[in-house]
Amino acid sequence: MVVTSLPPLLNLPDEGAYRSYFVNTYCNTPIITFDNIIVRFYPEIFDHAFYRDSSPIANDKSVFALERAQKIDWVRTVLADPTAELYRRIMSNSKTRRIAVEPTTPYAVIIQIHSHNSALARFVTAYVVDSMTALKKMRSNPRW
């Protein structure tokens, strides 16, 4: 099995530059996954995907997460990678999410599948899975 290598970290001057890069690179043209799911990106999701909570108990996504933003180019790579681990997660609201995990880092990209057209999705978030418990929980979902 050939594992796609991840691109280098992206080093931009500030949060505004990363936000502009996200909008220009991802929001203007959808990405098509290796299995032909059209993934759309929206400017407002930048705050969810590239910010973190101010404390372990805050749940406020108020702090720009440079370490996440530097991996912004990894999103496209993982979505295009036919060797990524793919899992199906059904949310409490019955929406279906697909979790794509690049296993060596491990890095997860999560998309939400359109409820009436499984060939369409929207980007939710992406991050390095930094706990074995979280990774085990992802892997406990059924394979895609």
Protein backbone atom coordinates (compact mmCIF):
# COMPACT_ATOMS: atom_id res chain seq x y z
CA MET A 1 0.00 0.00 0.00
CA VAL A 2 1.41 3.39 -1.01
CA VAL A 3 0.68 6.16 1.47
CA THR A 4 0.43 9.64 0.02
CA SER A 5 3.00 11.94 1.61
CA LEU A 6 1.70 15.10 3.21
CA PRO A 7 2.80 18.48 1.85
CA PRO A 8 5.13 20.72 3.87
CA LEU A 9 3.72 23.07 6.48
CA LEU A 10 2.50 26.36 5.08
CA ASN A 11 4.16 29.37 6.68
CA LEU A 12 2.23 32.61 6.20
CA PRO A 13 2.72 35.89 8.10
CA ASP A 14 -0.51 35.99 10.15
CA GLU A 15 -4.05 34.76 10.72
CA GLY A 16 -5.41 37.06 8.01
CA ALA A 17 -3.09 35.55 5.44
CA TYR A 18 -4.20 32.01 6.37
CA ARG A 19 -7.87 33.07 6.18
CA SER A 20 -7.33 34.59 2.70
CA TYR A 21 -5.44 31.49 1.59
CA PHE A 22 -8.31 29.26 2.77
CA VAL A 23 -10.92 31.33 0.93
CA ASN A 24 -8.87 31.62 -2.28
CA THR A 25 -7.66 28.01 -2.32
CA TYR A 26 -10.69 26.13 -1.04
CA CYS A 27 -13.86 28.24 -1.13
CA ASN A 28 -13.76 29.29 -4.78
CA THR A 29 -13.55 25.79 -6.26
CA PRO A 30 -14.80 22.57 -4.67
CA ILE A 31 -12.46 19.63 -4.19
CA ILE A 32 -13.39 16.27 -5.63
CA THR A 33 -12.34 13.32 -3.50
CA PHE A 34 -10.64 10.28 -5.01
CA ASP A 35 -14.07 8.58 -5.05
CA ASN A 36 -15.88 11.53 -6.67
CA ILE A 37 -17.53 13.28 -3.73
CA ILE A 38 -17.71 17.01 -4.41
CA VAL A 39 -16.63 18.81 -1.22
CA ARG A 40 -17.54 22.47 -0.81
CA PHE A 41 -15.77 24.84 1.57
CA TYR A 42 -17.30 27.96 3.13
CA PRO A 43 -15.45 30.99 4.54
CA GLU A 44 -17.22 30.83 7.92
CA ILE A 45 -15.89 27.32 8.62
CA PHE A 46 -12.35 28.72 8.86
CA ASP A 47 -13.08 29.78 12.45
CA HIS A 48 -14.15 26.28 13.41
CA ALA A 49 -11.39 24.41 11.59
CA PHE A 50 -8.42 26.64 12.42
CA TYR A 51 -9.18 27.91 15.90
CA ARG A 52 -9.03 26.14 19.24
CA ASP A 53 -10.63 26.57 22.64
CA SER A 54 -9.02 29.05 25.01
CA SER A 55 -8.90 26.36 27.72
CA PRO A 56 -9.70 22.65 28.07
CA ILE A 57 -13.12 23.49 29.54
CA ALA A 58 -14.04 26.63 27.55
CA ASN A 59 -15.51 25.18 24.32
CA ASP A 60 -15.25 28.65 22.77
CA LYS A 61 -12.99 28.28 19.67
CA SER A 62 -11.57 31.74 20.35
CA VAL A 63 -7.82 31.28 19.77
CA PHE A 64 -6.23 31.07 16.32
CA ALA A 65 -4.43 27.73 16.06
CA LEU A 66 -1.30 28.29 13.98
CA GLU A 67 -0.36 24.61 14.26
CA ARG A 68 -3.66 23.70 12.56
CA ALA A 69 -3.48 26.44 9.93
CA GLN A 70 0.03 25.43 8.87
CA LYS A 71 -1.44 22.06 7.84
CA ILE A 72 -4.13 23.64 5.65
CA ASP A 73 -2.72 22.04 2.48
CA TRP A 74 -3.02 18.63 4.10
CA VAL A 75 -6.82 18.82 3.74
CA ARG A 76 -6.73 18.51 -0.05
CA THR A 77 -4.10 15.74 0.11
CA VAL A 78 -6.07 13.59 2.55
CA LEU A 79 -9.34 14.02 0.65
CA ALA A 80 -7.57 12.91 -2.55
CA ASP A 81 -5.80 9.94 -0.93
CA PRO A 82 -7.36 6.55 -1.80
CA THR A 83 -5.26 4.93 0.96
CA ALA A 84 -6.70 7.08 3.78
CA GLU A 85 -8.69 5.25 6.43
CA LEU A 86 -12.36 6.14 5.89
CA TYR A 87 -15.07 5.91 8.54
CA ARG A 88 -18.80 6.65 8.59
CA ARG A 89 -20.16 8.51 11.59
CA ILE A 90 -23.87 9.10 12.05
CA MET A 91 -24.41 12.18 14.20
CA SER A 92 -27.19 12.51 16.81
CA ASN A 93 -29.10 14.69 14.32
CA SER A 94 -28.92 11.79 11.80
CA LYS A 95 -26.46 13.61 9.53
CA THR A 96 -23.69 11.49 8.04
CA ARG A 97 -20.07 12.50 8.34
CA ARG A 98 -17.08 10.90 6.70
CA ILE A 99 -13.84 10.83 8.62
CA ALA A 100 -10.71 10.43 6.50
CA VAL A 101 -7.60 9.63 8.53
CA GLU A 102 -4.04 9.80 7.29
CA PRO A 103 -2.69 7.19 9.72
CA THR A 104 0.98 8.09 10.10
CA THR A 105 0.45 11.53 11.65
CA PRO A 106 -2.53 10.82 12.32
CA TYR A 107 -4.44 13.64 10.61
CA ALA A 108 -8.23 13.62 10.23
CA VAL A 109 -10.39 15.47 7.71
CA ILE A 110 -14.11 15.46 8.39
CA ILE A 111 -16.79 16.20 5.83
CA GLN A 112 -20.56 16.16 6.16
CA ILE A 113 -22.41 14.31 3.42
CA HIS A 114 -25.43 16.06 1.88
CA SER A 115 -28.64 14.47 3.17
CA HIS A 116 -30.22 14.08 -0.31
CA ASN A 117 -27.15 13.57 -2.50
CA SER A 118 -24.28 11.39 -1.29
CA ALA A 119 -22.02 12.78 -4.03
CA LEU A 120 -22.01 16.21 -2.31
CA ALA A 121 -20.43 17.19 1.00
CA ARG A 122 -19.23 20.17 2.98
CA PHE A 123 -15.96 20.48 4.85
CA VAL A 124 -16.37 20.44 8.63
CA THR A 125 -12.86 20.41 10.12
CA ALA A 126 -9.37 18.91 10.02
CA TYR A 127 -6.78 18.33 12.72
CA VAL A 128 -4.01 16.14 14.06
CA VAL A 129 -5.59 13.52 16.29
CA ASP A 130 -3.43 13.98 19.36
CA SER A 131 -4.87 11.36 21.66
CA MET A 132 -5.03 7.60 21.24
CA THR A 133 -8.48 7.67 22.86
CA ALA A 134 -9.83 10.01 20.16
CA LEU A 135 -8.22 7.96 17.40
CA LYS A 136 -9.65 4.75 18.84
CA LYS A 137 -13.09 6.37 18.96
CA MET A 138 -12.81 7.42 15.29
CA ARG A 139 -11.75 3.92 14.33
CA SER A 140 -14.69 2.41 16.22
CA ASN A 141 -17.03 3.80 13.56
CA PRO A 142 -17.93 1.56 10.61
CA ARG A 143 -15.63 1.67 7.60
CA TRP A 144 -16.85 3.82 4.73
